[in-house]
Amino acid sequence: MEVINLKDLPLYERPREKAKRFGIKTLSNSELLALIIGSGFQKNNVLMLANKLLAEAQSIKNLFNFTYYDF
């Protein structure tokens, strides 16, 4: 699967730009988490990473129970 760079997404789909234009309240949990994380890595862009973490945690609230090593 090819990793899509966030810079290749339209501006209205990028979390930071979406938050600036429409406000934080318009972001999904994965977009909020992506903003906190900041950047991804070679095989996962930041949105993919945020989605994987949320899937593992099953909710954003459960991320508080993760240890450093869980991440």
PDB file of N, CA and C in Angstrom:
ATOM      1  N   MET A   1       0.839  -1.178   0.000  1.00  0.00           N
ATOM      2  CA  MET A   1       0.000   0.000   0.000  1.00  0.00           C
ATOM      3  C   MET A   1       0.882   1.240   0.000  1.00  0.00           C
ATOM      4  N   GLU A   2       0.585   2.154  -0.904  1.00  0.00           N
ATOM      5  CA  GLU A   2       1.376   3.375  -1.017  1.00  0.00           C
ATOM      6  C   GLU A   2       0.961   4.383   0.048  1.00  0.00           C
ATOM      7  N   VAL A   3       1.939   4.966   0.684  1.00  0.00           N
ATOM      8  CA  VAL A   3       1.672   5.979   1.710  1.00  0.00           C
ATOM      9  C   VAL A   3       1.467   7.318   1.027  1.00  0.00           C
ATOM     10  N   ILE A   4       0.355   7.958   1.346  1.00  0.00           N
ATOM     11  CA  ILE A   4       0.055   9.277   0.794  1.00  0.00           C
ATOM     12  C   ILE A   4       0.608  10.330   1.741  1.00  0.00           C
ATOM     13  N   ASN A   5       1.428  11.185   1.213  1.00  0.00           N
ATOM     14  CA  ASN A   5       1.971  12.288   1.985  1.00  0.00           C
ATOM     15  C   ASN A   5       0.865  13.300   2.238  1.00  0.00           C
ATOM     16  N   LEU A   6       0.788  13.821   3.443  1.00  0.00           N
ATOM     17  CA  LEU A   6      -0.252  14.800   3.760  1.00  0.00           C
ATOM     18  C   LEU A   6      -0.188  16.013   2.846  1.00  0.00           C
ATOM     19  N   LYS A   7       0.990  16.366   2.393  1.00  0.00           N
ATOM     20  CA  LYS A   7       1.138  17.510   1.497  1.00  0.00           C
ATOM     21  C   LYS A   7       0.479  17.257   0.151  1.00  0.00           C
ATOM     22  N   ASP A   8       0.223  15.980  -0.174  1.00  0.00           N
ATOM     23  CA  ASP A   8      -0.432  15.636  -1.425  1.00  0.00           C
ATOM     24  C   ASP A   8      -1.958  15.694  -1.313  1.00  0.00           C
ATOM     25  N   LEU A   9      -2.484  15.800  -0.095  1.00  0.00           N
ATOM     26  CA  LEU A   9      -3.926  15.896   0.116  1.00  0.00           C
ATOM     27  C   LEU A   9      -4.400  17.317  -0.151  1.00  0.00           C
ATOM     28  N   PRO A  10      -5.638  17.475  -0.573  1.00  0.00           N
ATOM     29  CA  PRO A  10      -6.176  18.837  -0.712  1.00  0.00           C
ATOM     30  C   PRO A  10      -6.158  19.541   0.643  1.00  0.00           C
ATOM     31  N   LEU A  11      -6.037  20.847   0.627  1.00  0.00           N
ATOM     32  CA  LEU A  11      -5.951  21.628   1.866  1.00  0.00           C
ATOM     33  C   LEU A  11      -7.106  21.350   2.819  1.00  0.00           C
ATOM     34  N   TYR A  12      -8.318  21.185   2.284  1.00  0.00           N
ATOM     35  CA  TYR A  12      -9.478  20.989   3.155  1.00  0.00           C
ATOM     36  C   TYR A  12      -9.486  19.628   3.849  1.00  0.00           C
ATOM     37  N   GLU A  13      -8.596  18.713   3.455  1.00  0.00           N
ATOM     38  CA  GLU A  13      -8.513  17.397   4.089  1.00  0.00           C
ATOM     39  C   GLU A  13      -7.364  17.296   5.101  1.00  0.00           C
ATOM     40  N   ARG A  14      -6.507  18.279   5.155  1.00  0.00           N
ATOM     41  CA  ARG A  14      -5.382  18.266   6.081  1.00  0.00           C
ATOM     42  C   ARG A  14      -5.834  18.756   7.454  1.00  0.00           C
ATOM     43  N   PRO A  15      -5.525  18.014   8.508  1.00  0.00           N
ATOM     44  CA  PRO A  15      -6.022  18.376   9.842  1.00  0.00           C
ATOM     45  C   PRO A  15      -5.673  19.790  10.296  1.00  0.00           C
ATOM     46  N   ARG A  16      -4.448  20.213  10.116  1.00  0.00           N
ATOM     47  CA  ARG A  16      -4.037  21.538  10.599  1.00  0.00           C
ATOM     48  C   ARG A  16      -4.782  22.643   9.863  1.00  0.00           C
ATOM     49  N   GLU A  17      -4.856  22.528   8.542  1.00  0.00           N
ATOM     50  CA  GLU A  17      -5.534  23.539   7.744  1.00  0.00           C
ATOM     51  C   GLU A  17      -7.034  23.519   8.004  1.00  0.00           C
ATOM     52  N   LYS A  18      -7.594  22.324   8.184  1.00  0.00           N
ATOM     53  CA  LYS A  18      -9.019  22.192   8.482  1.00  0.00           C
ATOM     54  C   LYS A  18      -9.342  22.858   9.824  1.00  0.00           C
ATOM     55  N   ALA A  19      -8.480  22.663  10.811  1.00  0.00           N
ATOM     56  CA  ALA A  19      -8.683  23.271  12.126  1.00  0.00           C
ATOM     57  C   ALA A  19      -8.602  24.797  12.044  1.00  0.00           C
ATOM     58  N   LYS A  20      -7.657  25.295  11.289  1.00  0.00           N
ATOM     59  CA  LYS A  20      -7.513  26.751  11.145  1.00  0.00           C
ATOM     60  C   LYS A  20      -8.722  27.369  10.457  1.00  0.00           C
ATOM     61  N   ARG A  21      -9.216  26.674   9.456  1.00  0.00           N
ATOM     62  CA  ARG A  21     -10.304  27.251   8.662  1.00  0.00           C
ATOM     63  C   ARG A  21     -11.677  27.063   9.305  1.00  0.00           C
ATOM     64  N   PHE A  22     -11.933  25.876   9.865  1.00  0.00           N
ATOM     65  CA  PHE A  22     -13.274  25.556  10.357  1.00  0.00           C
ATOM     66  C   PHE A  22     -13.362  25.405  11.869  1.00  0.00           C
ATOM     67  N   GLY A  23     -12.224  25.374  12.548  1.00  0.00           N
ATOM     68  CA  GLY A  23     -12.208  25.232  13.995  1.00  0.00           C
ATOM     69  C   GLY A  23     -11.921  23.802  14.437  1.00  0.00           C
ATOM     70  N   ILE A  24     -11.381  23.695  15.629  1.00  0.00           N
ATOM     71  CA  ILE A  24     -11.003  22.399  16.208  1.00  0.00           C
ATOM     72  C   ILE A  24     -12.204  21.471  16.332  1.00  0.00           C
ATOM     73  N   LYS A  25     -13.366  22.012  16.613  1.00  0.00           N
ATOM     74  CA  LYS A  25     -14.560  21.187  16.827  1.00  0.00           C
ATOM     75  C   LYS A  25     -14.965  20.392  15.594  1.00  0.00           C
ATOM     76  N   THR A  26     -14.465  20.772  14.423  1.00  0.00           N
ATOM     77  CA  THR A  26     -14.830  20.060  13.198  1.00  0.00           C
ATOM     78  C   THR A  26     -13.963  18.831  12.948  1.00  0.00           C
ATOM     79  N   LEU A  27     -12.902  18.667  13.740  1.00  0.00           N
ATOM     80  CA  LEU A  27     -11.975  17.556  13.518  1.00  0.00           C
ATOM     81  C   LEU A  27     -12.478  16.263  14.152  1.00  0.00           C
ATOM     82  N   SER A  28     -12.157  15.166  13.501  1.00  0.00           N
ATOM     83  CA  SER A  28     -12.452  13.847  14.060  1.00  0.00           C
ATOM     84  C   SER A  28     -11.397  13.526  15.118  1.00  0.00           C
ATOM     85  N   ASN A  29     -11.632  12.463  15.873  1.00  0.00           N
ATOM     86  CA  ASN A  29     -10.651  12.047  16.874  1.00  0.00           C
ATOM     87  C   ASN A  29      -9.305  11.723  16.236  1.00  0.00           C
ATOM     88  N   SER A  30      -9.321  11.073  15.093  1.00  0.00           N
ATOM     89  CA  SER A  30      -8.052  10.732  14.440  1.00  0.00           C
ATOM     90  C   SER A  30      -7.328  11.981  13.956  1.00  0.00           C
ATOM     91  N   GLU A  31      -8.067  12.987  13.491  1.00  0.00           N
ATOM     92  CA  GLU A  31      -7.437  14.238  13.069  1.00  0.00           C
ATOM     93  C   GLU A  31      -6.868  14.986  14.264  1.00  0.00           C
ATOM     94  N   LEU A  32      -7.569  14.994  15.392  1.00  0.00           N
ATOM     95  CA  LEU A  32      -7.048  15.625  16.605  1.00  0.00           C
ATOM     96  C   LEU A  32      -5.769  14.933  17.071  1.00  0.00           C
ATOM     97  N   LEU A  33      -5.803  13.617  17.081  1.00  0.00           N
ATOM     98  CA  LEU A  33      -4.624  12.860  17.490  1.00  0.00           C
ATOM     99  C   LEU A  33      -3.462  13.103  16.527  1.00  0.00           C
ATOM    100  N   ALA A  34      -3.754  13.207  15.251  1.00  0.00           N
ATOM    101  CA  ALA A  34      -2.717  13.495  14.255  1.00  0.00           C
ATOM    102  C   ALA A  34      -2.053  14.839  14.528  1.00  0.00           C
ATOM    103  N   LEU A  35      -2.845  15.832  14.938  1.00  0.00           N
ATOM    104  CA  LEU A  35      -2.270  17.139  15.277  1.00  0.00           C
ATOM    105  C   LEU A  35      -1.335  17.029  16.479  1.00  0.00           C
ATOM    106  N   ILE A  36      -1.721  16.228  17.454  1.00  0.00           N
ATOM    107  CA  ILE A  36      -0.892  16.053  18.650  1.00  0.00           C
ATOM    108  C   ILE A  36       0.398  15.324  18.306  1.00  0.00           C
ATOM    109  N   ILE A  37       0.288  14.277  17.489  1.00  0.00           N
ATOM    110  CA  ILE A  37       1.464  13.488  17.107  1.00  0.00           C
ATOM    111  C   ILE A  37       2.414  14.334  16.269  1.00  0.00           C
ATOM    112  N   GLY A  38       1.876  15.071  15.325  1.00  0.00           N
ATOM    113  CA  GLY A  38       2.688  15.987  14.534  1.00  0.00           C
ATOM    114  C   GLY A  38       3.148  15.457  13.195  1.00  0.00           C
ATOM    115  N   SER A  39       3.757  14.281  13.184  1.00  0.00           N
ATOM    116  CA  SER A  39       4.221  13.725  11.909  1.00  0.00           C
ATOM    117  C   SER A  39       4.284  12.214  12.003  1.00  0.00           C
ATOM    118  N   GLY A  40       4.234  11.602  10.848  1.00  0.00           N
ATOM    119  CA  GLY A  40       4.318  10.152  10.766  1.00  0.00           C
ATOM    120  C   GLY A  40       5.741   9.724  10.478  1.00  0.00           C
ATOM    121  N   PHE A  41       5.841   8.615   9.782  1.00  0.00           N
ATOM    122  CA  PHE A  41       7.156   8.147   9.371  1.00  0.00           C
ATOM    123  C   PHE A  41       7.040   7.521   7.999  1.00  0.00           C
ATOM    124  N   GLN A  42       8.083   6.936   7.515  1.00  0.00           N
ATOM    125  CA  GLN A  42       8.173   6.516   6.124  1.00  0.00           C
ATOM    126  C   GLN A  42       7.010   5.629   5.661  1.00  0.00           C
ATOM    127  N   LYS A  43       6.578   4.689   6.472  1.00  0.00           N
ATOM    128  CA  LYS A  43       5.537   3.761   6.030  1.00  0.00           C
ATOM    129  C   LYS A  43       4.130   4.152   6.474  1.00  0.00           C
ATOM    130  N   ASN A  44       4.010   5.158   7.318  1.00  0.00           N
ATOM    131  CA  ASN A  44       2.706   5.604   7.804  1.00  0.00           C
ATOM    132  C   ASN A  44       2.690   7.117   7.934  1.00  0.00           C
ATOM    133  N   ASN A  45       1.761   7.766   7.218  1.00  0.00           N
ATOM    134  CA  ASN A  45       1.637   9.197   7.453  1.00  0.00           C
ATOM    135  C   ASN A  45       0.958   9.392   8.801  1.00  0.00           C
ATOM    136  N   VAL A  46       0.899  10.601   9.277  1.00  0.00           N
ATOM    137  CA  VAL A  46       0.414  10.869  10.631  1.00  0.00           C
ATOM    138  C   VAL A  46      -1.055  10.468  10.807  1.00  0.00           C
ATOM    139  N   LEU A  47      -1.869  10.601   9.773  1.00  0.00           N
ATOM    140  CA  LEU A  47      -3.269  10.192   9.881  1.00  0.00           C
ATOM    141  C   LEU A  47      -3.400   8.670   9.976  1.00  0.00           C
ATOM    142  N   MET A  48      -2.584   7.960   9.220  1.00  0.00           N
ATOM    143  CA  MET A  48      -2.595   6.495   9.296  1.00  0.00           C
ATOM    144  C   MET A  48      -2.164   6.041  10.691  1.00  0.00           C
ATOM    145  N   LEU A  49      -1.142   6.673  11.213  1.00  0.00           N
ATOM    146  CA  LEU A  49      -0.653   6.350  12.551  1.00  0.00           C
ATOM    147  C   LEU A  49      -1.729   6.624  13.606  1.00  0.00           C
ATOM    148  N   ALA A  50      -2.387   7.752  13.512  1.00  0.00           N
ATOM    149  CA  ALA A  50      -3.453   8.093  14.455  1.00  0.00           C
ATOM    150  C   ALA A  50      -4.590   7.081  14.383  1.00  0.00           C
ATOM    151  N   ASN A  51      -4.974   6.688  13.181  1.00  0.00           N
ATOM    152  CA  ASN A  51      -6.040   5.694  13.020  1.00  0.00           C
ATOM    153  C   ASN A  51      -5.646   4.345  13.605  1.00  0.00           C
ATOM    154  N   LYS A  52      -4.403   3.946  13.431  1.00  0.00           N
ATOM    155  CA  LYS A  52      -3.932   2.670  13.989  1.00  0.00           C
ATOM    156  C   LYS A  52      -3.947   2.708  15.519  1.00  0.00           C
ATOM    157  N   LEU A  53      -3.513   3.819  16.090  1.00  0.00           N
ATOM    158  CA  LEU A  53      -3.526   3.956  17.548  1.00  0.00           C
ATOM    159  C   LEU A  53      -4.951   3.916  18.097  1.00  0.00           C
ATOM    160  N   LEU A  54      -5.859   4.610  17.446  1.00  0.00           N
ATOM    161  CA  LEU A  54      -7.250   4.616  17.893  1.00  0.00           C
ATOM    162  C   LEU A  54      -7.893   3.242  17.746  1.00  0.00           C
ATOM    163  N   ALA A  55      -7.545   2.535  16.699  1.00  0.00           N
ATOM    164  CA  ALA A  55      -8.085   1.185  16.518  1.00  0.00           C
ATOM    165  C   ALA A  55      -7.581   0.260  17.624  1.00  0.00           C
ATOM    166  N   GLU A  56      -6.319   0.390  17.963  1.00  0.00           N
ATOM    167  CA  GLU A  56      -5.732  -0.431  19.030  1.00  0.00           C
ATOM    168  C   GLU A  56      -6.343  -0.076  20.385  1.00  0.00           C
ATOM    169  N   ALA A  57      -6.536   1.203  20.634  1.00  0.00           N
ATOM    170  CA  ALA A  57      -7.062   1.659  21.922  1.00  0.00           C
ATOM    171  C   ALA A  57      -8.579   1.499  22.012  1.00  0.00           C
ATOM    172  N   GLN A  58      -9.247   1.445  20.893  1.00  0.00           N
ATOM    173  CA  GLN A  58     -10.699   1.329  20.776  1.00  0.00           C
ATOM    174  C   GLN A  58     -11.439   2.613  21.135  1.00  0.00           C
ATOM    175  N   SER A  59     -10.764   3.597  21.688  1.00  0.00           N
ATOM    176  CA  SER A  59     -11.343   4.926  21.898  1.00  0.00           C
ATOM    177  C   SER A  59     -10.215   5.878  22.265  1.00  0.00           C
ATOM    178  N   ILE A  60     -10.455   7.143  22.059  1.00  0.00           N
ATOM    179  CA  ILE A  60      -9.429   8.137  22.385  1.00  0.00           C
ATOM    180  C   ILE A  60      -9.178   8.169  23.896  1.00  0.00           C
ATOM    181  N   LYS A  61     -10.205   7.924  24.681  1.00  0.00           N
ATOM    182  CA  LYS A  61     -10.078   7.918  26.142  1.00  0.00           C
ATOM    183  C   LYS A  61      -9.122   6.820  26.614  1.00  0.00           C
ATOM    184  N   ASN A  62      -9.149   5.670  25.955  1.00  0.00           N
ATOM    185  CA  ASN A  62      -8.286   4.554  26.353  1.00  0.00           C
ATOM    186  C   ASN A  62      -6.805   4.807  26.086  1.00  0.00           C
ATOM    187  N   LEU A  63      -6.492   5.810  25.284  1.00  0.00           N
ATOM    188  CA  LEU A  63      -5.081   6.133  25.037  1.00  0.00           C
ATOM    189  C   LEU A  63      -4.373   6.562  26.324  1.00  0.00           C
ATOM    190  N   PHE A  64      -5.148   7.090  27.283  1.00  0.00           N
ATOM    191  CA  PHE A  64      -4.554   7.495  28.556  1.00  0.00           C
ATOM    192  C   PHE A  64      -4.029   6.301  29.343  1.00  0.00           C
ATOM    193  N   ASN A  65      -4.526   5.121  29.035  1.00  0.00           N
ATOM    194  CA  ASN A  65      -4.072   3.908  29.722  1.00  0.00           C
ATOM    195  C   ASN A  65      -2.834   3.300  29.088  1.00  0.00           C
ATOM    196  N   PHE A  66      -2.439   3.790  27.916  1.00  0.00           N
ATOM    197  CA  PHE A  66      -1.260   3.268  27.239  1.00  0.00           C
ATOM    198  C   PHE A  66       0.004   3.730  27.954  1.00  0.00           C
ATOM    199  N   THR A  67       0.988   2.863  27.965  1.00  0.00           N
ATOM    200  CA  THR A  67       2.298   3.233  28.492  1.00  0.00           C
ATOM    201  C   THR A  67       3.177   3.738  27.355  1.00  0.00           C
ATOM    202  N   TYR A  68       4.300   4.236  27.697  1.00  0.00           N
ATOM    203  CA  TYR A  68       5.273   4.679  26.693  1.00  0.00           C
ATOM    204  C   TYR A  68       5.586   3.545  25.727  1.00  0.00           C
ATOM    205  N   TYR A  69       5.721   2.358  26.225  1.00  0.00           N
ATOM    206  CA  TYR A  69       6.076   1.202  25.399  1.00  0.00           C
ATOM    207  C   TYR A  69       4.939   0.744  24.502  1.00  0.00           C
ATOM    208  N   ASP A  70       3.704   1.027  24.893  1.00  0.00           N
ATOM    209  CA  ASP A  70       2.563   0.698  24.038  1.00  0.00           C
ATOM    210  C   ASP A  70       2.598   1.513  22.738  1.00  0.00           C
ATOM    211  N   PHE A  71       3.079   2.734  22.859  1.00  0.00           N
ATOM    212  CA  PHE A  71       3.152   3.563  21.662  1.00  0.00           C
ATOM    213  C   PHE A  71       4.289   3.130  20.781  1.00  0.00           C
TER     214      PHE A  71
END
